[in-house]
Amino acid sequence: MNNDDTTEFDAKSYWENRLNKNFGLHGTGYLGFGKQFNNWLYRVKKKTFLKTIDKLNLDIRSMDIIDIGSGTGFYIELWEALYPRMIVGTDITEISVKNLKEKFSSGKFFRLDI
């Protein structure tokens, strides 16, 4: 069956357009729920991340971190506060990589599609 109306989802274009319009946590969060919900959601994500990392009892200062889908750098910022040896971030969008390089000068960031 051939359906000419079917188009393949272009993730790079979708995220590039979305983040160009709204680069921030709301741009990567749930658009339909508003900024207040997304701010709450990311507070919960931060608390959960830090609690989980603490339970793992890792020597983060001796670790290299790779973050896949770095977006606006939410998790990069959390990792950076834990002082790993190195942070490498990747994202499908050029806008994210550009902004991440400007915001986190100690990290290395690459645009790629995994």
Protein backbone atom coordinates (compact mmCIF):
# COMPACT_ATOMS: atom_id res chain seq x y z
CA MET A 1 0.00 0.00 0.00
CA ASN A 2 1.41 3.37 -1.01
CA ASN A 3 0.35 6.41 0.97
CA ASP A 4 1.84 9.59 -0.48
CA ASP A 5 0.51 11.63 2.46
CA THR A 6 2.90 9.91 4.86
CA THR A 7 6.06 11.87 5.59
CA GLU A 8 8.96 10.83 7.74
CA PHE A 9 9.52 12.77 10.97
CA ASP A 10 12.54 15.08 10.72
CA ALA A 11 13.79 15.31 14.31
CA LYS A 12 16.61 17.74 13.52
CA SER A 13 14.30 20.27 11.85
CA TYR A 14 11.65 19.84 14.54
CA TRP A 15 14.04 20.54 17.42
CA GLU A 16 15.99 23.22 15.55
CA ASN A 17 12.75 25.15 14.90
CA ARG A 18 11.37 24.57 18.38
CA LEU A 19 14.53 25.72 20.16
CA ASN A 20 15.05 28.69 17.85
CA LYS A 21 11.60 29.90 18.93
CA ASN A 22 12.02 29.12 22.62
CA PHE A 23 15.52 28.24 23.83
CA GLY A 24 15.12 27.25 27.46
CA LEU A 25 13.59 24.64 29.71
CA HIS A 26 10.10 25.47 28.50
CA GLY A 27 11.29 24.86 24.92
CA THR A 28 12.48 21.38 25.84
CA GLY A 29 9.63 20.64 28.25
CA TYR A 30 5.92 20.14 27.67
CA LEU A 31 4.73 23.11 25.61
CA GLY A 32 1.04 22.58 26.35
CA PHE A 33 1.43 22.82 30.12
CA GLY A 34 3.11 26.22 30.37
CA LYS A 35 6.26 27.56 32.00
CA GLN A 36 5.09 27.14 35.59
CA PHE A 37 4.54 23.39 35.10
CA ASN A 38 7.88 23.00 33.31
CA ASN A 39 9.73 24.89 36.06
CA TRP A 40 8.18 22.52 38.61
CA LEU A 41 9.00 19.50 36.43
CA TYR A 42 12.66 20.45 36.12
CA ARG A 43 12.94 21.04 39.88
CA VAL A 44 11.70 17.46 40.34
CA LYS A 45 14.15 16.19 37.70
CA LYS A 46 17.04 17.96 39.45
CA LYS A 47 16.10 16.55 42.86
CA THR A 48 15.74 13.04 41.41
CA PHE A 49 19.05 13.28 39.55
CA LEU A 50 20.99 14.43 42.61
CA LYS A 51 19.36 11.83 44.86
CA THR A 52 20.16 9.05 42.39
CA ILE A 53 23.77 10.15 41.90
CA ASP A 54 24.24 10.36 45.68
CA LYS A 55 22.94 6.79 46.14
CA LEU A 56 25.39 5.45 43.55
CA ASN A 57 28.35 6.66 45.61
CA LEU A 58 30.50 7.38 42.55
CA ASP A 59 33.85 9.14 42.37
CA ILE A 60 32.56 11.70 39.84
CA ARG A 61 35.77 13.76 39.95
CA SER A 62 37.61 10.89 38.28
CA MET A 63 34.94 10.33 35.62
CA ASP A 64 34.38 11.52 32.07
CA ILE A 65 30.71 12.27 31.35
CA ILE A 66 29.00 12.10 27.99
CA ASP A 67 25.55 13.63 27.73
CA ILE A 68 23.44 12.54 24.76
CA GLY A 69 20.76 15.04 23.70
CA SER A 70 22.14 17.91 25.77
CA GLY A 71 19.50 20.40 24.60
CA THR A 72 19.70 23.54 26.70
CA GLY A 73 22.26 22.07 29.10
CA PHE A 74 20.05 21.21 32.06
CA TYR A 75 21.97 18.03 32.90
CA ILE A 76 25.30 19.52 31.81
CA GLU A 77 24.86 22.14 34.53
CA LEU A 78 24.10 19.44 37.12
CA TRP A 79 27.10 17.36 36.08
CA GLU A 80 29.38 20.42 36.05
CA ALA A 81 28.50 21.15 39.69
CA LEU A 82 29.80 17.67 40.59
CA TYR A 83 33.24 18.40 39.02
CA PRO A 84 33.81 15.45 36.70
CA ARG A 85 37.16 15.21 34.94
CA MET A 86 35.54 16.02 31.60
CA ILE A 87 32.08 16.67 30.15
CA VAL A 88 31.20 15.99 26.52
CA GLY A 89 27.77 16.91 25.26
CA THR A 90 25.99 16.09 22.03
CA ASP A 91 22.84 17.35 20.41
CA ILE A 92 21.08 17.05 17.09
CA THR A 93 20.66 20.83 16.77
CA GLU A 94 23.12 23.53 15.84
CA ILE A 95 21.46 26.06 18.16
CA SER A 96 21.99 23.81 21.19
CA VAL A 97 25.63 23.12 20.42
CA LYS A 98 26.31 26.82 19.78
CA ASN A 99 24.69 27.85 23.07
CA LEU A 100 26.30 25.03 25.05
CA LYS A 101 29.77 26.02 23.82
CA GLU A 102 29.12 29.60 24.92
CA LYS A 103 27.66 28.70 28.32
CA PHE A 104 30.00 25.85 29.32
CA SER A 105 33.49 26.75 28.14
CA SER A 106 35.09 23.82 29.97
CA GLY A 107 33.03 21.21 28.12
CA LYS A 108 33.27 19.85 24.59
CA PHE A 109 30.11 19.84 22.50
CA PHE A 110 29.31 18.22 19.18
CA ARG A 111 26.35 18.26 16.82
CA LEU A 112 25.42 14.73 15.87
CA ASP A 113 22.42 12.51 15.44
CA ILE A 114 22.49 9.28 17.41
